[in-house]
PDB file of N, CA and C in Angstrom:
ATOM      1  N   MET A   1     -38.659 -38.657  10.208  1.00  0.00           N
ATOM      2  CA  MET A   1     -37.792 -39.220   9.192  1.00  0.00           C
ATOM      3  C   MET A   1     -36.788 -40.149   9.880  1.00  0.00           C
ATOM      4  N   TRP A   2     -36.591 -41.311   9.299  1.00  0.00           N
ATOM      5  CA  TRP A   2     -35.625 -42.301   9.793  1.00  0.00           C
ATOM      6  C   TRP A   2     -34.524 -42.477   8.758  1.00  0.00           C
ATOM      7  N   PHE A   3     -33.323 -42.768   9.232  1.00  0.00           N
ATOM      8  CA  PHE A   3     -32.168 -42.883   8.352  1.00  0.00           C
ATOM      9  C   PHE A   3     -31.463 -44.221   8.556  1.00  0.00           C
ATOM     10  N   VAL A   4     -31.052 -44.816   7.442  1.00  0.00           N
ATOM     11  CA  VAL A   4     -30.137 -45.956   7.449  1.00  0.00           C
ATOM     12  C   VAL A   4     -28.821 -45.391   6.974  1.00  0.00           C
ATOM     13  N   TYR A   5     -27.758 -45.664   7.711  1.00  0.00           N
ATOM     14  CA  TYR A   5     -26.479 -45.047   7.383  1.00  0.00           C
ATOM     15  C   TYR A   5     -25.364 -46.073   7.300  1.00  0.00           C
ATOM     16  N   LEU A   6     -24.338 -45.711   6.573  1.00  0.00           N
ATOM     17  CA  LEU A   6     -23.145 -46.533   6.414  1.00  0.00           C
ATOM     18  C   LEU A   6     -21.956 -45.708   6.886  1.00  0.00           C
ATOM     19  N   LEU A   7     -21.275 -46.212   7.902  1.00  0.00           N
ATOM     20  CA  LEU A   7     -20.099 -45.546   8.442  1.00  0.00           C
ATOM     21  C   LEU A   7     -18.844 -46.259   7.969  1.00  0.00           C
ATOM     22  N   GLN A   8     -17.770 -45.508   7.897  1.00  0.00           N
ATOM     23  CA  GLN A   8     -16.471 -46.099   7.591  1.00  0.00           C
ATOM     24  C   GLN A   8     -15.476 -45.642   8.648  1.00  0.00           C
ATOM     25  N   SER A   9     -14.648 -46.569   9.100  1.00  0.00           N
ATOM     26  CA  SER A   9     -13.627 -46.273  10.098  1.00  0.00           C
ATOM     27  C   SER A   9     -12.391 -45.693   9.425  1.00  0.00           C
ATOM     28  N   PHE A  10     -11.823 -44.657  10.024  1.00  0.00           N
ATOM     29  CA  PHE A  10     -10.565 -44.102   9.540  1.00  0.00           C
ATOM     30  C   PHE A  10      -9.400 -45.018   9.906  1.00  0.00           C
ATOM     31  N   VAL A  11      -9.577 -45.856  10.939  1.00  0.00           N
ATOM     32  CA  VAL A  11      -8.500 -46.723  11.428  1.00  0.00           C
ATOM     33  C   VAL A  11      -8.249 -47.893  10.488  1.00  0.00           C
ATOM     34  N   ASP A  12      -9.304 -48.659  10.181  1.00  0.00           N
ATOM     35  CA  ASP A  12      -9.109 -49.869   9.372  1.00  0.00           C
ATOM     36  C   ASP A  12      -9.913 -49.890   8.078  1.00  0.00           C
ATOM     37  N   GLY A  13     -10.702 -48.856   7.820  1.00  0.00           N
ATOM     38  CA  GLY A  13     -11.467 -48.772   6.578  1.00  0.00           C
ATOM     39  C   GLY A  13     -12.707 -49.646   6.531  1.00  0.00           C
ATOM     40  N   LYS A  14     -13.011 -50.357   7.624  1.00  0.00           N
ATOM     41  CA  LYS A  14     -14.187 -51.234   7.642  1.00  0.00           C
ATOM     42  C   LYS A  14     -15.459 -50.420   7.797  1.00  0.00           C
ATOM     43  N   HIS A  15     -16.594 -51.084   7.500  1.00  0.00           N
ATOM     44  CA  HIS A  15     -17.884 -50.408   7.468  1.00  0.00           C
ATOM     45  C   HIS A  15     -18.815 -50.908   8.562  1.00  0.00           C
ATOM     46  N   TYR A  16     -19.769 -50.048   8.925  1.00  0.00           N
ATOM     47  CA  TYR A  16     -20.778 -50.357   9.915  1.00  0.00           C
ATOM     48  C   TYR A  16     -22.099 -49.792   9.418  1.00  0.00           C
ATOM     49  N   VAL A  17     -23.176 -50.563   9.552  1.00  0.00           N
ATOM     50  CA  VAL A  17     -24.509 -50.149   9.129  1.00  0.00           C
ATOM     51  C   VAL A  17     -25.380 -49.964  10.359  1.00  0.00           C
ATOM     52  N   GLY A  18     -26.194 -48.914  10.370  1.00  0.00           N
ATOM     53  CA  GLY A  18     -27.116 -48.674  11.472  1.00  0.00           C
ATOM     54  C   GLY A  18     -28.303 -47.864  11.010  1.00  0.00           C
ATOM     55  N   TYR A  19     -29.226 -47.609  11.949  1.00  0.00           N
ATOM     56  CA  TYR A  19     -30.362 -46.750  11.637  1.00  0.00           C
ATOM     57  C   TYR A  19     -30.623 -45.838  12.827  1.00  0.00           C
ATOM     58  N   THR A  20     -31.217 -44.702  12.561  1.00  0.00           N
ATOM     59  CA  THR A  20     -31.472 -43.715  13.607  1.00  0.00           C
ATOM     60  C   THR A  20     -32.519 -42.718  13.145  1.00  0.00           C
ATOM     61  N   LYS A  21     -33.047 -41.985  14.102  1.00  0.00           N
ATOM     62  CA  LYS A  21     -33.970 -40.898  13.787  1.00  0.00           C
ATOM     63  C   LYS A  21     -33.205 -39.574  13.656  1.00  0.00           C
ATOM     64  N   ASN A  22     -32.061 -39.459  14.331  1.00  0.00           N
ATOM     65  CA  ASN A  22     -31.264 -38.241  14.300  1.00  0.00           C
ATOM     66  C   ASN A  22     -29.844 -38.589  13.851  1.00  0.00           C
ATOM     67  N   LEU A  23     -29.561 -38.396  12.604  1.00  0.00           N
ATOM     68  CA  LEU A  23     -28.291 -38.806  12.000  1.00  0.00           C
ATOM     69  C   LEU A  23     -27.087 -38.067  12.597  1.00  0.00           C
ATOM     70  N   LYS A  24     -27.195 -36.771  12.743  1.00  0.00           N
ATOM     71  CA  LYS A  24     -26.082 -35.972  13.262  1.00  0.00           C
ATOM     72  C   LYS A  24     -25.748 -36.384  14.698  1.00  0.00           C
ATOM     73  N   ASN A  25     -26.764 -36.536  15.526  1.00  0.00           N
ATOM     74  CA  ASN A  25     -26.555 -36.911  16.915  1.00  0.00           C
ATOM     75  C   ASN A  25     -25.974 -38.324  17.036  1.00  0.00           C
ATOM     76  N   ARG A  26     -26.434 -39.235  16.187  1.00  0.00           N
ATOM     77  CA  ARG A  26     -25.944 -40.612  16.244  1.00  0.00           C
ATOM     78  C   ARG A  26     -24.467 -40.685  15.872  1.00  0.00           C
ATOM     79  N   LEU A  27     -24.038 -39.914  14.884  1.00  0.00           N
ATOM     80  CA  LEU A  27     -22.622 -39.891  14.517  1.00  0.00           C
ATOM     81  C   LEU A  27     -21.780 -39.361  15.681  1.00  0.00           C
ATOM     82  N   LEU A  28     -22.275 -38.322  16.355  1.00  0.00           N
ATOM     83  CA  LEU A  28     -21.567 -37.795  17.524  1.00  0.00           C
ATOM     84  C   LEU A  28     -21.454 -38.854  18.614  1.00  0.00           C
ATOM     85  N   GLU A  29     -22.527 -39.615  18.852  1.00  0.00           N
ATOM     86  CA  GLU A  29     -22.496 -40.682  19.847  1.00  0.00           C
ATOM     87  C   GLU A  29     -21.442 -41.723  19.486  1.00  0.00           C
ATOM     88  N   HIS A  30     -21.424 -42.130  18.238  1.00  0.00           N
ATOM     89  CA  HIS A  30     -20.424 -43.109  17.787  1.00  0.00           C
ATOM     90  C   HIS A  30     -19.013 -42.571  18.021  1.00  0.00           C
ATOM     91  N   ASN A  31     -18.756 -41.349  17.582  1.00  0.00           N
ATOM     92  CA  ASN A  31     -17.413 -40.785  17.666  1.00  0.00           C
ATOM     93  C   ASN A  31     -17.003 -40.396  19.084  1.00  0.00           C
ATOM     94  N   ASN A  32     -17.955 -40.316  19.989  1.00  0.00           N
ATOM     95  CA  ASN A  32     -17.642 -40.069  21.399  1.00  0.00           C
ATOM     96  C   ASN A  32     -17.471 -41.371  22.172  1.00  0.00           C
ATOM     97  N   GLY A  33     -17.491 -42.512  21.481  1.00  0.00           N
ATOM     98  CA  GLY A  33     -17.219 -43.795  22.107  1.00  0.00           C
ATOM     99  C   GLY A  33     -18.384 -44.416  22.844  1.00  0.00           C
ATOM    100  N   LYS A  34     -19.606 -44.007  22.541  1.00  0.00           N
ATOM    101  CA  LYS A  34     -20.769 -44.547  23.246  1.00  0.00           C
ATOM    102  C   LYS A  34     -21.227 -45.893  22.690  1.00  0.00           C
ATOM    103  N   THR A  35     -20.638 -46.344  21.589  1.00  0.00           N
ATOM    104  CA  THR A  35     -20.921 -47.660  21.031  1.00  0.00           C
ATOM    105  C   THR A  35     -19.680 -48.516  21.277  1.00  0.00           C
ATOM    106  N   LYS A  36     -19.786 -49.443  22.241  1.00  0.00           N
ATOM    107  CA  LYS A  36     -18.622 -50.237  22.662  1.00  0.00           C
ATOM    108  C   LYS A  36     -17.927 -50.939  21.505  1.00  0.00           C
ATOM    109  N   SER A  37     -18.707 -51.534  20.619  1.00  0.00           N
ATOM    110  CA  SER A  37     -18.116 -52.329  19.545  1.00  0.00           C
ATOM    111  C   SER A  37     -17.316 -51.499  18.542  1.00  0.00           C
ATOM    112  N   LEU A  38     -17.520 -50.192  18.540  1.00  0.00           N
ATOM    113  CA  LEU A  38     -16.836 -49.338  17.567  1.00  0.00           C
ATOM    114  C   LEU A  38     -15.771 -48.441  18.192  1.00  0.00           C
ATOM    115  N   ARG A  39     -15.571 -48.512  19.477  1.00  0.00           N
ATOM    116  CA  ARG A  39     -14.609 -47.624  20.154  1.00  0.00           C
ATOM    117  C   ARG A  39     -13.199 -47.718  19.586  1.00  0.00           C
ATOM    118  N   CYS A  40     -12.783 -48.927  19.228  1.00  0.00           N
ATOM    119  CA  CYS A  40     -11.412 -49.098  18.716  1.00  0.00           C
ATOM    120  C   CYS A  40     -11.286 -48.702  17.248  1.00  0.00           C
ATOM    121  N   LYS A  41     -12.377 -48.321  16.615  1.00  0.00           N
ATOM    122  CA  LYS A  41     -12.353 -47.969  15.195  1.00  0.00           C
ATOM    123  C   LYS A  41     -12.511 -46.464  14.963  1.00  0.00           C
ATOM    124  N   LEU A  42     -12.480 -45.683  16.016  1.00  0.00           N
ATOM    125  CA  LEU A  42     -12.707 -44.246  15.918  1.00  0.00           C
ATOM    126  C   LEU A  42     -11.514 -43.542  15.277  1.00  0.00           C
ATOM    127  N   PRO A  43     -11.765 -42.478  14.552  1.00  0.00           N
ATOM    128  CA  PRO A  43     -13.032 -41.837  14.243  1.00  0.00           C
ATOM    129  C   PRO A  43     -13.746 -42.506  13.064  1.00  0.00           C
ATOM    130  N   LEU A  44     -15.024 -42.206  12.972  1.00  0.00           N
ATOM    131  CA  LEU A  44     -15.876 -42.744  11.916  1.00  0.00           C
ATOM    132  C   LEU A  44     -16.441 -41.597  11.085  1.00  0.00           C
ATOM    133  N   LYS A  45     -16.736 -41.894   9.839  1.00  0.00           N
ATOM    134  CA  LYS A  45     -17.391 -40.893   8.990  1.00  0.00           C
ATOM    135  C   LYS A  45     -18.571 -41.545   8.287  1.00  0.00           C
ATOM    136  N   ILE A  46     -19.597 -40.763   8.030  1.00  0.00           N
ATOM    137  CA  ILE A  46     -20.750 -41.249   7.264  1.00  0.00           C
ATOM    138  C   ILE A  46     -20.388 -41.156   5.795  1.00  0.00           C
ATOM    139  N   ILE A  47     -20.487 -42.293   5.104  1.00  0.00           N
ATOM    140  CA  ILE A  47     -20.190 -42.257   3.670  1.00  0.00           C
ATOM    141  C   ILE A  47     -21.452 -42.408   2.826  1.00  0.00           C
ATOM    142  N   TYR A  48     -22.571 -42.786   3.484  1.00  0.00           N
ATOM    143  CA  TYR A  48     -23.816 -42.973   2.737  1.00  0.00           C
ATOM    144  C   TYR A  48     -24.980 -43.012   3.709  1.00  0.00           C
ATOM    145  N   PHE A  49     -26.133 -42.490   3.297  1.00  0.00           N
ATOM    146  CA  PHE A  49     -27.348 -42.663   4.081  1.00  0.00           C
ATOM    147  C   PHE A  49     -28.568 -42.640   3.175  1.00  0.00           C
ATOM    148  N   GLU A  50     -29.636 -43.260   3.670  1.00  0.00           N
ATOM    149  CA  GLU A  50     -30.928 -43.285   2.993  1.00  0.00           C
ATOM    150  C   GLU A  50     -31.976 -42.813   3.994  1.00  0.00           C
ATOM    151  N   ALA A  51     -32.990 -42.087   3.533  1.00  0.00           N
ATOM    152  CA  ALA A  51     -34.045 -41.572   4.407  1.00  0.00           C
ATOM    153  C   ALA A  51     -35.343 -42.337   4.168  1.00  0.00           C
ATOM    154  N   TYR A  52     -36.056 -42.619   5.254  1.00  0.00           N
ATOM    155  CA  TYR A  52     -37.328 -43.335   5.205  1.00  0.00           C
ATOM    156  C   TYR A  52     -38.355 -42.613   6.066  1.00  0.00           C
ATOM    157  N   ALA A  53     -39.598 -42.623   5.627  1.00  0.00           N
ATOM    158  CA  ALA A  53     -40.670 -41.958   6.361  1.00  0.00           C
ATOM    159  C   ALA A  53     -41.105 -42.755   7.586  1.00  0.00           C
ATOM    160  N   HIS A  54     -40.913 -44.082   7.562  1.00  0.00           N
ATOM    161  CA  HIS A  54     -41.364 -44.936   8.658  1.00  0.00           C
ATOM    162  C   HIS A  54     -40.221 -45.797   9.182  1.00  0.00           C
ATOM    163  N   LYS A  55     -40.202 -45.987  10.480  1.00  0.00           N
ATOM    164  CA  LYS A  55     -39.168 -46.787  11.129  1.00  0.00           C
ATOM    165  C   LYS A  55     -39.132 -48.208  10.569  1.00  0.00           C
ATOM    166  N   HIS A  56     -40.294 -48.762  10.281  1.00  0.00           N
ATOM    167  CA  HIS A  56     -40.383 -50.133   9.765  1.00  0.00           C
ATOM    168  C   HIS A  56     -39.499 -50.330   8.534  1.00  0.00           C
ATOM    169  N   TYR A  57     -39.551 -49.399   7.599  1.00  0.00           N
ATOM    170  CA  TYR A  57     -38.769 -49.529   6.367  1.00  0.00           C
ATOM    171  C   TYR A  57     -37.272 -49.345   6.622  1.00  0.00           C
ATOM    172  N   ALA A  58     -36.927 -48.468   7.559  1.00  0.00           N
ATOM    173  CA  ALA A  58     -35.525 -48.257   7.893  1.00  0.00           C
ATOM    174  C   ALA A  58     -34.932 -49.504   8.545  1.00  0.00           C
ATOM    175  N   THR A  59     -35.653 -50.108   9.479  1.00  0.00           N
ATOM    176  CA  THR A  59     -35.133 -51.311  10.140  1.00  0.00           C
ATOM    177  C   THR A  59     -35.057 -52.483   9.164  1.00  0.00           C
ATOM    178  N   LYS A  60     -36.003 -52.546   8.253  1.00  0.00           N
ATOM    179  CA  LYS A  60     -35.988 -53.608   7.243  1.00  0.00           C
ATOM    180  C   LYS A  60     -34.766 -53.470   6.331  1.00  0.00           C
ATOM    181  N   ARG A  61     -34.461 -52.248   5.917  1.00  0.00           N
ATOM    182  CA  ARG A  61     -33.304 -52.006   5.056  1.00  0.00           C
ATOM    183  C   ARG A  61     -31.995 -52.256   5.811  1.00  0.00           C
ATOM    184  N   GLU A  62     -31.932 -51.836   7.080  1.00  0.00           N
ATOM    185  CA  GLU A  62     -30.730 -52.081   7.874  1.00  0.00           C
ATOM    186  C   GLU A  62     -30.486 -53.582   7.988  1.00  0.00           C
ATOM    187  N   TYR A  63     -31.538 -54.334   8.272  1.00  0.00           N
ATOM    188  CA  TYR A  63     -31.422 -55.795   8.384  1.00  0.00           C
ATOM    189  C   TYR A  63     -30.918 -56.389   7.065  1.00  0.00           C
ATOM    190  N   GLU A  64     -31.476 -55.904   5.960  1.00  0.00           N
ATOM    191  CA  GLU A  64     -31.071 -56.385   4.636  1.00  0.00           C
ATOM    192  C   GLU A  64     -29.580 -56.150   4.398  1.00  0.00           C
ATOM    193  N   LEU A  65     -29.086 -54.965   4.741  1.00  0.00           N
ATOM    194  CA  LEU A  65     -27.673 -54.658   4.518  1.00  0.00           C
ATOM    195  C   LEU A  65     -26.756 -55.428   5.460  1.00  0.00           C
ATOM    196  N   LYS A  66     -27.231 -55.710   6.662  1.00  0.00           N
ATOM    197  CA  LYS A  66     -26.405 -56.445   7.624  1.00  0.00           C
ATOM    198  C   LYS A  66     -26.384 -57.948   7.348  1.00  0.00           C
ATOM    199  N   HIS A  67     -27.456 -58.487   6.772  1.00  0.00           N
ATOM    200  CA  HIS A  67     -27.570 -59.942   6.641  1.00  0.00           C
ATOM    201  C   HIS A  67     -27.554 -60.471   5.210  1.00  0.00           C
ATOM    202  N   ASN A  68     -27.589 -59.598   4.230  1.00  0.00           N
ATOM    203  CA  ASN A  68     -27.567 -60.022   2.834  1.00  0.00           C
ATOM    204  C   ASN A  68     -26.252 -59.529   2.222  1.00  0.00           C
ATOM    205  N   SER A  69     -25.304 -60.422   2.105  1.00  0.00           N
ATOM    206  CA  SER A  69     -23.970 -60.031   1.641  1.00  0.00           C
ATOM    207  C   SER A  69     -24.006 -59.456   0.220  1.00  0.00           C
ATOM    208  N   PHE A  70     -24.924 -59.926  -0.622  1.00  0.00           N
ATOM    209  CA  PHE A  70     -25.011 -59.394  -1.979  1.00  0.00           C
ATOM    210  C   PHE A  70     -25.450 -57.928  -1.959  1.00  0.00           C
ATOM    211  N   LYS A  71     -26.474 -57.605  -1.162  1.00  0.00           N
ATOM    212  CA  LYS A  71     -26.969 -56.225  -1.090  1.00  0.00           C
ATOM    213  C   LYS A  71     -25.909 -55.298  -0.511  1.00  0.00           C
ATOM    214  N   ARG A  72     -25.188 -55.776   0.494  1.00  0.00           N
ATOM    215  CA  ARG A  72     -24.127 -54.965   1.103  1.00  0.00           C
ATOM    216  C   ARG A  72     -23.000 -54.734   0.102  1.00  0.00           C
ATOM    217  N   LYS A  73     -22.584 -55.791  -0.604  1.00  0.00           N
ATOM    218  CA  LYS A  73     -21.526 -55.670  -1.603  1.00  0.00           C
ATOM    219  C   LYS A  73     -21.964 -54.725  -2.722  1.00  0.00           C
ATOM    220  N   GLU A  74     -23.216 -54.834  -3.128  1.00  0.00           N
ATOM    221  CA  GLU A  74     -23.763 -53.980  -4.171  1.00  0.00           C
ATOM    222  C   GLU A  74     -23.661 -52.495  -3.763  1.00  0.00           C
ATOM    223  N   LEU A  75     -23.981 -52.208  -2.508  1.00  0.00           N
ATOM    224  CA  LEU A  75     -23.898 -50.836  -2.020  1.00  0.00           C
ATOM    225  C   LEU A  75     -22.445 -50.375  -1.942  1.00  0.00           C
ATOM    226  N   LEU A  76     -21.570 -51.198  -1.394  1.00  0.00           N
ATOM    227  CA  LEU A  76     -20.165 -50.814  -1.247  1.00  0.00           C
ATOM    228  C   LEU A  76     -19.470 -50.652  -2.597  1.00  0.00           C
ATOM    229  N   ASP A  77     -19.893 -51.413  -3.605  1.00  0.00           N
ATOM    230  CA  ASP A  77     -19.302 -51.288  -4.937  1.00  0.00           C
ATOM    231  C   ASP A  77     -19.547 -49.912  -5.550  1.00  0.00           C
ATOM    232  N   ARG A  78     -20.607 -49.243  -5.137  1.00  0.00           N
ATOM    233  CA  ARG A  78     -20.881 -47.899  -5.647  1.00  0.00           C
ATOM    234  C   ARG A  78     -19.769 -46.914  -5.300  1.00  0.00           C
ATOM    235  N   PHE A  79     -19.083 -47.174  -4.172  1.00  0.00           N
ATOM    236  CA  PHE A  79     -18.064 -46.246  -3.697  1.00  0.00           C
ATOM    237  C   PHE A  79     -16.679 -46.557  -4.221  1.00  0.00           C
ATOM    238  N   LYS A  80     -16.515 -47.678  -4.877  1.00  0.00           N
ATOM    239  CA  LYS A  80     -15.207 -48.048  -5.408  1.00  0.00           C
ATOM    240  C   LYS A  80     -14.909 -47.365  -6.727  1.00  0.00           C
ATOM    241  N   ASN A  81     -15.944 -46.958  -7.435  1.00  0.00           N
ATOM    242  CA  ASN A  81     -15.759 -46.342  -8.757  1.00  0.00           C
ATOM    243  C   ASN A  81     -15.686 -44.850  -8.690  1.00  0.00           C
TER     244      ASN A  81
END
């Protein structure tokens, strides 16, 4: 099982999208500072995730959320209400 996840920073409230095979372990890696680009935004929390049977679909969805501002806004709007 592969996961696409949406993290939110407690520091500035900004979001980060990623994918992984082990969701719990990946969150621990992020919060332990193993992702350089997110070290200054710690701690992070998972606010949303989707599960996929194949890596191909997870990477495709991650790319869509990172590069399609409409799809990303559509997802983030779900959490505003």
